[in-house]
Amino acid sequence: MERALAEGVVGMGGALAPSPRTIVEAAALAAEQHDERLAARIERFADAPDGAFVWTRDDDGLSWLGRLAGPWRYDPSPDASAVDLVHVRPCEWLGAPVAEADVPPAVRATFARGGRNWQRTHDAAVSSLSAEVWARGVG
């Protein structure tokens, strides 16, 4: 999480060799070198629209809210590999963690059941609640 905040990205792991240049290459290599589930997650991650909200938790269990701000890319750098954050997209993060009471209930439930990389939270209220938190945090 520290690297994501410092670099202004959001992402997931799944190192690939050779380094893919396109999402099509990344998905094919992920299916071959890892599994189809990783390939599908990478494709969903790349296909999400700019401006989509993303939630994550840091090592202290604090929740962070961000918004996608650009296209997928593969980061082959040693620093990215060291923290397994190689599939990345630019992300604008709020400047501070979000108070637990302000995290939408469905997001909390996803994390409580062990939600991991790039899971959609299936709840109609999540987007509007996230937008409210974003507006308060940015404004």
N, C-alpha and C. Protein backbone atom coordinates (compact mmCIF):
# COMPACT_ATOMS: atom_id res chain seq x y z
N MET A 1 0.82 -1.19 0.00
CA MET A 1 0.00 0.00 0.00
C MET A 1 0.87 1.26 0.00
N GLU A 2 1.97 1.22 0.73
CA GLU A 2 2.85 2.39 0.77
C GLU A 2 3.32 2.78 -0.63
N ARG A 3 3.71 1.79 -1.42
CA ARG A 3 4.18 2.08 -2.77
C ARG A 3 3.05 2.65 -3.62
N ALA A 4 1.86 2.08 -3.49
CA ALA A 4 0.73 2.57 -4.28
C ALA A 4 0.45 4.03 -3.97
N LEU A 5 0.45 4.39 -2.70
CA LEU A 5 0.21 5.78 -2.33
C LEU A 5 1.33 6.69 -2.82
N ALA A 6 2.56 6.25 -2.62
CA ALA A 6 3.71 7.06 -3.02
C ALA A 6 3.78 7.27 -4.53
N GLU A 7 3.44 6.23 -5.28
CA GLU A 7 3.52 6.30 -6.74
C GLU A 7 2.24 6.79 -7.40
N GLY A 8 1.16 6.90 -6.62
CA GLY A 8 -0.12 7.31 -7.20
C GLY A 8 -0.69 6.27 -8.13
N VAL A 9 -0.64 5.01 -7.68
CA VAL A 9 -1.18 3.91 -8.48
C VAL A 9 -2.04 3.01 -7.60
N VAL A 10 -2.78 2.16 -8.25
CA VAL A 10 -3.47 1.05 -7.61
C VAL A 10 -3.13 -0.16 -8.46
N GLY A 11 -3.08 -1.33 -7.85
CA GLY A 11 -2.72 -2.47 -8.67
C GLY A 11 -2.80 -3.79 -7.95
N MET A 12 -2.19 -4.77 -8.58
CA MET A 12 -2.17 -6.13 -8.06
C MET A 12 -0.90 -6.82 -8.52
N GLY A 13 -0.66 -7.96 -7.93
CA GLY A 13 0.52 -8.73 -8.26
C GLY A 13 0.28 -9.71 -9.39
N GLY A 14 1.29 -10.53 -9.61
CA GLY A 14 1.25 -11.52 -10.67
C GLY A 14 2.35 -11.27 -11.68
N ALA A 15 3.59 -11.43 -11.21
CA ALA A 15 4.75 -11.17 -12.07
C ALA A 15 4.70 -12.05 -13.32
N LEU A 16 5.11 -11.47 -14.44
CA LEU A 16 5.10 -12.16 -15.72
C LEU A 16 6.44 -11.98 -16.42
N ALA A 17 6.83 -12.99 -17.17
CA ALA A 17 8.06 -12.91 -17.96
C ALA A 17 7.78 -13.54 -19.32
N PRO A 18 8.11 -12.82 -20.37
CA PRO A 18 8.66 -11.46 -20.40
C PRO A 18 7.58 -10.44 -20.01
N SER A 19 8.02 -9.22 -19.77
CA SER A 19 7.10 -8.15 -19.41
C SER A 19 6.13 -7.87 -20.55
N PRO A 20 4.83 -7.94 -20.29
CA PRO A 20 3.86 -7.68 -21.36
C PRO A 20 3.77 -6.19 -21.69
N ARG A 21 3.49 -5.91 -22.96
CA ARG A 21 3.31 -4.53 -23.40
C ARG A 21 1.84 -4.16 -23.53
N THR A 22 0.99 -5.17 -23.67
CA THR A 22 -0.44 -4.92 -23.86
C THR A 22 -1.23 -5.78 -22.88
N ILE A 23 -2.48 -5.42 -22.69
CA ILE A 23 -3.34 -6.20 -21.81
C ILE A 23 -3.60 -7.59 -22.39
N VAL A 24 -3.64 -7.70 -23.70
CA VAL A 24 -3.84 -9.01 -24.34
C VAL A 24 -2.65 -9.92 -24.02
N GLU A 25 -1.44 -9.38 -24.14
CA GLU A 25 -0.25 -10.16 -23.78
C GLU A 25 -0.27 -10.53 -22.30
N ALA A 26 -0.64 -9.58 -21.45
CA ALA A 26 -0.66 -9.82 -20.01
C ALA A 26 -1.63 -10.94 -19.65
N ALA A 27 -2.82 -10.91 -20.21
CA ALA A 27 -3.81 -11.94 -19.91
C ALA A 27 -3.35 -13.31 -20.38
N ALA A 28 -2.78 -13.37 -21.57
CA ALA A 28 -2.29 -14.66 -22.09
C ALA A 28 -1.16 -15.21 -21.22
N LEU A 29 -0.21 -14.35 -20.86
CA LEU A 29 0.90 -14.80 -20.01
C LEU A 29 0.41 -15.19 -18.63
N ALA A 30 -0.54 -14.44 -18.07
CA ALA A 30 -1.06 -14.76 -16.74
C ALA A 30 -1.75 -16.12 -16.75
N ALA A 31 -2.54 -16.41 -17.78
CA ALA A 31 -3.21 -17.70 -17.88
C ALA A 31 -2.19 -18.83 -17.98
N GLU A 32 -1.13 -18.59 -18.73
CA GLU A 32 -0.09 -19.59 -18.95
C GLU A 32 0.79 -19.79 -17.72
N GLN A 33 1.19 -18.69 -17.08
CA GLN A 33 2.17 -18.76 -15.99
C GLN A 33 1.53 -18.85 -14.60
N HIS A 34 0.27 -18.45 -14.49
CA HIS A 34 -0.44 -18.49 -13.20
C HIS A 34 -1.71 -19.31 -13.37
N ASP A 35 -2.83 -18.63 -13.65
CA ASP A 35 -4.08 -19.33 -13.91
C ASP A 35 -5.07 -18.39 -14.59
N GLU A 36 -6.18 -18.96 -15.03
CA GLU A 36 -7.21 -18.19 -15.74
C GLU A 36 -7.84 -17.13 -14.83
N ARG A 37 -7.91 -17.41 -13.54
CA ARG A 37 -8.52 -16.44 -12.61
C ARG A 37 -7.71 -15.15 -12.58
N LEU A 38 -6.38 -15.26 -12.53
CA LEU A 38 -5.56 -14.05 -12.54
C LEU A 38 -5.73 -13.32 -13.87
N ALA A 39 -5.74 -14.07 -14.96
CA ALA A 39 -5.93 -13.44 -16.27
C ALA A 39 -7.23 -12.64 -16.32
N ALA A 40 -8.30 -13.22 -15.79
CA ALA A 40 -9.60 -12.54 -15.78
C ALA A 40 -9.57 -11.30 -14.88
N ARG A 41 -8.92 -11.38 -13.73
CA ARG A 41 -8.81 -10.22 -12.83
C ARG A 41 -8.05 -9.08 -13.50
N ILE A 42 -6.97 -9.42 -14.18
CA ILE A 42 -6.18 -8.39 -14.87
C ILE A 42 -7.04 -7.72 -15.95
N GLU A 43 -7.80 -8.50 -16.70
CA GLU A 43 -8.66 -7.92 -17.74
C GLU A 43 -9.73 -7.02 -17.14
N ARG A 44 -10.37 -7.46 -16.03
CA ARG A 44 -11.38 -6.61 -15.38
C ARG A 44 -10.75 -5.31 -14.88
N PHE A 45 -9.56 -5.44 -14.31
CA PHE A 45 -8.83 -4.28 -13.80
C PHE A 45 -8.56 -3.28 -14.93
N ALA A 46 -8.09 -3.78 -16.06
CA ALA A 46 -7.78 -2.91 -17.20
C ALA A 46 -9.03 -2.30 -17.81
N ASP A 47 -10.15 -3.03 -17.77
CA ASP A 47 -11.39 -2.58 -18.40
C ASP A 47 -12.20 -1.60 -17.55
N ALA A 48 -11.90 -1.49 -16.27
CA ALA A 48 -12.67 -0.59 -15.41
C ALA A 48 -12.50 0.85 -15.90
N PRO A 49 -13.56 1.63 -15.86
CA PRO A 49 -13.49 2.99 -16.39
C PRO A 49 -12.69 3.94 -15.50
N ASP A 50 -12.03 4.89 -16.13
CA ASP A 50 -11.41 5.96 -15.36
C ASP A 50 -12.49 6.62 -14.51
N GLY A 51 -12.13 7.00 -13.31
CA GLY A 51 -13.08 7.62 -12.39
C GLY A 51 -13.75 6.62 -11.46
N ALA A 52 -13.62 5.32 -11.75
CA ALA A 52 -14.21 4.31 -10.87
C ALA A 52 -13.54 4.38 -9.50
N PHE A 53 -14.33 4.18 -8.47
CA PHE A 53 -13.80 4.19 -7.11
C PHE A 53 -13.15 2.86 -6.79
N VAL A 54 -12.07 2.92 -6.02
CA VAL A 54 -11.39 1.72 -5.53
C VAL A 54 -11.15 1.88 -4.03
N TRP A 55 -11.32 0.79 -3.31
CA TRP A 55 -11.06 0.75 -1.88
C TRP A 55 -9.95 -0.24 -1.61
N THR A 56 -9.10 0.07 -0.66
CA THR A 56 -8.08 -0.87 -0.23
C THR A 56 -7.81 -0.67 1.24
N ARG A 57 -7.08 -1.60 1.80
CA ARG A 57 -6.67 -1.49 3.20
C ARG A 57 -5.17 -1.57 3.28
N ASP A 58 -4.61 -0.81 4.22
CA ASP A 58 -3.16 -0.85 4.42
C ASP A 58 -2.81 -1.90 5.48
N ASP A 59 -1.53 -2.02 5.79
CA ASP A 59 -1.06 -3.03 6.74
C ASP A 59 -1.63 -2.83 8.14
N ASP A 60 -2.06 -1.62 8.46
CA ASP A 60 -2.64 -1.33 9.76
C ASP A 60 -4.15 -1.54 9.78
N GLY A 61 -4.72 -1.97 8.65
CA GLY A 61 -6.15 -2.20 8.56
C GLY A 61 -6.96 -0.95 8.27
N LEU A 62 -6.28 0.16 7.95
CA LEU A 62 -6.98 1.40 7.64
C LEU A 62 -7.46 1.38 6.18
N SER A 63 -8.62 1.95 5.94
CA SER A 63 -9.22 1.95 4.61
C SER A 63 -8.88 3.22 3.85
N TRP A 64 -8.58 3.04 2.57
CA TRP A 64 -8.22 4.14 1.68
C TRP A 64 -9.15 4.12 0.48
N LEU A 65 -9.55 5.31 0.03
CA LEU A 65 -10.41 5.45 -1.14
C LEU A 65 -9.65 6.16 -2.24
N GLY A 66 -9.74 5.60 -3.44
CA GLY A 66 -9.10 6.21 -4.60
C GLY A 66 -10.02 6.17 -5.81
N ARG A 67 -9.55 6.82 -6.89
CA ARG A 67 -10.27 6.80 -8.16
C ARG A 67 -9.29 6.51 -9.28
N LEU A 68 -9.68 5.60 -10.15
CA LEU A 68 -8.84 5.27 -11.30
C LEU A 68 -8.66 6.51 -12.17
N ALA A 69 -7.42 6.68 -12.65
CA ALA A 69 -7.10 7.91 -13.37
C ALA A 69 -6.22 7.67 -14.59
N GLY A 70 -6.34 6.50 -15.20
CA GLY A 70 -5.54 6.23 -16.39
C GLY A 70 -5.50 4.75 -16.70
N PRO A 71 -4.81 4.40 -17.79
CA PRO A 71 -4.81 3.02 -18.29
C PRO A 71 -3.88 2.07 -17.53
N TRP A 72 -4.14 0.78 -17.73
CA TRP A 72 -3.30 -0.29 -17.20
C TRP A 72 -1.91 -0.21 -17.81
N ARG A 73 -0.94 -0.60 -17.02
CA ARG A 73 0.41 -0.84 -17.52
C ARG A 73 1.06 -1.88 -16.63
N TYR A 74 2.08 -2.51 -17.16
CA TYR A 74 2.86 -3.48 -16.40
C TYR A 74 4.13 -2.78 -15.93
N ASP A 75 4.40 -2.85 -14.63
CA ASP A 75 5.59 -2.22 -14.06
C ASP A 75 6.62 -3.31 -13.74
N PRO A 76 7.65 -3.44 -14.58
CA PRO A 76 8.65 -4.49 -14.38
C PRO A 76 9.79 -4.09 -13.44
N SER A 77 9.69 -2.94 -12.81
CA SER A 77 10.79 -2.45 -11.98
C SER A 77 11.04 -3.36 -10.77
N PRO A 78 12.27 -3.41 -10.30
CA PRO A 78 12.58 -4.20 -9.10
C PRO A 78 11.75 -3.76 -7.89
N ASP A 79 11.50 -2.46 -7.75
CA ASP A 79 10.69 -1.98 -6.63
C ASP A 79 9.26 -2.51 -6.69
N ALA A 80 8.68 -2.53 -7.88
CA ALA A 80 7.32 -3.06 -8.04
C ALA A 80 7.29 -4.56 -7.78
N SER A 81 8.28 -5.26 -8.29
CA SER A 81 8.35 -6.71 -8.07
C SER A 81 8.53 -7.05 -6.60
N ALA A 82 9.30 -6.23 -5.89
CA ALA A 82 9.57 -6.50 -4.47
C ALA A 82 8.30 -6.49 -3.62
N VAL A 83 7.31 -5.70 -4.02
CA VAL A 83 6.06 -5.65 -3.26
C VAL A 83 4.90 -6.28 -4.03
N ASP A 84 5.20 -6.96 -5.13
CA ASP A 84 4.21 -7.63 -5.96
C ASP A 84 3.07 -6.69 -6.36
N LEU A 85 3.46 -5.55 -6.92
CA LEU A 85 2.51 -4.56 -7.41
C LEU A 85 2.91 -4.21 -8.84
N VAL A 86 2.69 -5.17 -9.74
CA VAL A 86 3.21 -5.05 -11.10
C VAL A 86 2.14 -4.67 -12.13
N HIS A 87 0.89 -5.01 -11.88
CA HIS A 87 -0.21 -4.61 -12.77
C HIS A 87 -0.81 -3.37 -12.14
N VAL A 88 -0.58 -2.21 -12.75
CA VAL A 88 -0.96 -0.96 -12.10
C VAL A 88 -1.74 -0.03 -13.03
N ARG A 89 -2.47 0.87 -12.39
CA ARG A 89 -3.14 1.97 -13.08
C ARG A 89 -2.95 3.22 -12.24
N PRO A 90 -2.84 4.37 -12.89
CA PRO A 90 -2.80 5.61 -12.11
C PRO A 90 -4.05 5.72 -11.24
N CYS A 91 -3.86 6.24 -10.03
CA CYS A 91 -4.97 6.35 -9.09
C CYS A 91 -4.79 7.61 -8.26
N GLU A 92 -5.85 8.36 -8.13
CA GLU A 92 -5.84 9.53 -7.24
C GLU A 92 -6.41 9.07 -5.91
N TRP A 93 -5.58 9.11 -4.87
CA TRP A 93 -5.99 8.67 -3.53
C TRP A 93 -6.37 9.86 -2.68
N LEU A 94 -7.33 9.67 -1.79
CA LEU A 94 -7.58 10.70 -0.78
C LEU A 94 -6.32 10.84 0.05
N GLY A 95 -6.12 11.99 0.66
CA GLY A 95 -4.89 12.28 1.38
C GLY A 95 -4.76 11.62 2.73
N ALA A 96 -5.82 10.96 3.19
CA ALA A 96 -5.79 10.30 4.50
C ALA A 96 -6.72 9.09 4.47
N PRO A 97 -6.51 8.14 5.37
CA PRO A 97 -7.43 7.00 5.43
C PRO A 97 -8.85 7.47 5.77
N VAL A 98 -9.81 6.66 5.40
CA VAL A 98 -11.22 6.95 5.65
C VAL A 98 -11.61 6.34 6.99
N ALA A 99 -12.32 7.11 7.81
CA ALA A 99 -12.81 6.60 9.10
C ALA A 99 -13.66 5.36 8.85
N GLU A 100 -13.49 4.36 9.68
CA GLU A 100 -14.20 3.09 9.50
C GLU A 100 -15.71 3.30 9.40
N ALA A 101 -16.26 4.22 10.16
CA ALA A 101 -17.70 4.48 10.12
C ALA A 101 -18.16 5.02 8.77
N ASP A 102 -17.24 5.60 7.99
CA ASP A 102 -17.58 6.16 6.68
C ASP A 102 -17.37 5.18 5.53
N VAL A 103 -16.77 4.04 5.81
CA VAL A 103 -16.57 3.02 4.77
C VAL A 103 -17.93 2.36 4.52
N PRO A 104 -18.39 2.30 3.28
CA PRO A 104 -19.69 1.67 3.01
C PRO A 104 -19.76 0.26 3.59
N PRO A 105 -20.92 -0.09 4.17
CA PRO A 105 -21.06 -1.42 4.79
C PRO A 105 -20.69 -2.58 3.87
N ALA A 106 -21.05 -2.49 2.59
CA ALA A 106 -20.73 -3.59 1.67
C ALA A 106 -19.23 -3.72 1.46
N VAL A 107 -18.50 -2.60 1.50
CA VAL A 107 -17.04 -2.65 1.37
C VAL A 107 -16.46 -3.32 2.61
N ARG A 108 -16.95 -2.93 3.79
CA ARG A 108 -16.48 -3.57 5.03
C ARG A 108 -16.75 -5.06 4.99
N ALA A 109 -17.93 -5.45 4.50
CA ALA A 109 -18.28 -6.87 4.43
C ALA A 109 -17.35 -7.62 3.47
N THR A 110 -17.01 -7.00 2.36
CA THR A 110 -16.09 -7.64 1.40
C THR A 110 -14.74 -7.90 2.05
N PHE A 111 -14.21 -6.90 2.75
CA PHE A 111 -12.93 -7.09 3.43
C PHE A 111 -13.05 -8.11 4.55
N ALA A 112 -14.17 -8.13 5.27
CA ALA A 112 -14.35 -9.04 6.40
C ALA A 112 -14.36 -10.50 5.96
N ARG A 113 -14.85 -10.75 4.76
CA ARG A 113 -14.88 -12.15 4.29
C ARG A 113 -13.61 -12.52 3.53
N GLY A 114 -12.61 -11.66 3.61
CA GLY A 114 -11.34 -11.98 2.98
C GLY A 114 -11.21 -11.49 1.56
N GLY A 115 -11.98 -10.48 1.20
CA GLY A 115 -11.90 -9.92 -0.15
C GLY A 115 -10.47 -9.57 -0.51
N ARG A 116 -10.09 -9.92 -1.73
CA ARG A 116 -8.71 -9.71 -2.16
C ARG A 116 -8.67 -8.81 -3.37
N ASN A 117 -7.75 -9.10 -4.25
CA ASN A 117 -7.48 -8.24 -5.40
C ASN A 117 -8.66 -8.08 -6.34
N TRP A 118 -8.98 -6.84 -6.58
CA TRP A 118 -9.88 -6.42 -7.63
C TRP A 118 -11.19 -7.19 -7.64
N GLN A 119 -11.94 -7.05 -6.55
CA GLN A 119 -13.26 -7.64 -6.47
C GLN A 119 -14.30 -6.55 -6.57
N ARG A 120 -15.31 -6.80 -7.35
CA ARG A 120 -16.43 -5.87 -7.44
C ARG A 120 -17.30 -6.08 -6.20
N THR A 121 -17.73 -4.98 -5.60
CA THR A 121 -18.64 -5.06 -4.47
C THR A 121 -20.05 -4.92 -5.02
N HIS A 122 -20.82 -5.99 -4.91
CA HIS A 122 -22.16 -6.03 -5.51
C HIS A 122 -23.19 -5.44 -4.56
N ASP A 123 -23.28 -4.14 -4.55
CA ASP A 123 -24.26 -3.45 -3.72
C ASP A 123 -24.54 -2.12 -4.40
N ALA A 124 -25.81 -1.85 -4.63
CA ALA A 124 -26.19 -0.65 -5.38
C ALA A 124 -25.77 0.64 -4.70
N ALA A 125 -25.63 0.63 -3.38
CA ALA A 125 -25.32 1.87 -2.65
C ALA A 125 -23.84 2.20 -2.60
N VAL A 126 -22.97 1.25 -2.96
CA VAL A 126 -21.53 1.48 -2.79
C VAL A 126 -21.04 2.69 -3.58
N SER A 127 -21.44 2.82 -4.82
CA SER A 127 -20.94 3.94 -5.63
C SER A 127 -21.37 5.29 -5.07
N SER A 128 -22.64 5.41 -4.70
CA SER A 128 -23.10 6.70 -4.18
C SER A 128 -22.47 7.01 -2.83
N LEU A 129 -22.34 6.01 -1.96
CA LEU A 129 -21.69 6.23 -0.67
C LEU A 129 -20.22 6.59 -0.85
N SER A 130 -19.55 5.92 -1.78
CA SER A 130 -18.15 6.24 -2.06
C SER A 130 -18.01 7.65 -2.60
N ALA A 131 -18.95 8.06 -3.47
CA ALA A 131 -18.91 9.42 -4.02
C ALA A 131 -19.08 10.46 -2.91
N GLU A 132 -19.92 10.17 -1.93
CA GLU A 132 -20.11 11.09 -0.81
C GLU A 132 -18.82 11.22 0.00
N VAL A 133 -18.18 10.09 0.28
CA VAL A 133 -16.92 10.11 1.02
C VAL A 133 -15.87 10.88 0.22
N TRP A 134 -15.83 10.63 -1.08
CA TRP A 134 -14.86 11.31 -1.95
C TRP A 134 -15.07 12.82 -1.92
N ALA A 135 -16.32 13.24 -2.05
CA ALA A 135 -16.62 14.67 -2.07
C ALA A 135 -16.20 15.34 -0.76
N ARG A 136 -16.43 14.68 0.36
CA ARG A 136 -16.01 15.24 1.65
C ARG A 136 -14.49 15.26 1.77
N GLY A 137 -13.84 14.21 1.28
CA GLY A 137 -12.39 14.11 1.42
C GLY A 137 -11.62 15.02 0.50
N VAL A 138 -12.16 15.28 -0.68
CA VAL A 138 -11.48 16.13 -1.65
C VAL A 138 -11.82 17.59 -1.40
N GLY A 139 -13.07 17.84 -1.04
CA GLY A 139 -13.53 19.21 -0.87
C GLY A 139 -13.12 19.75 0.43
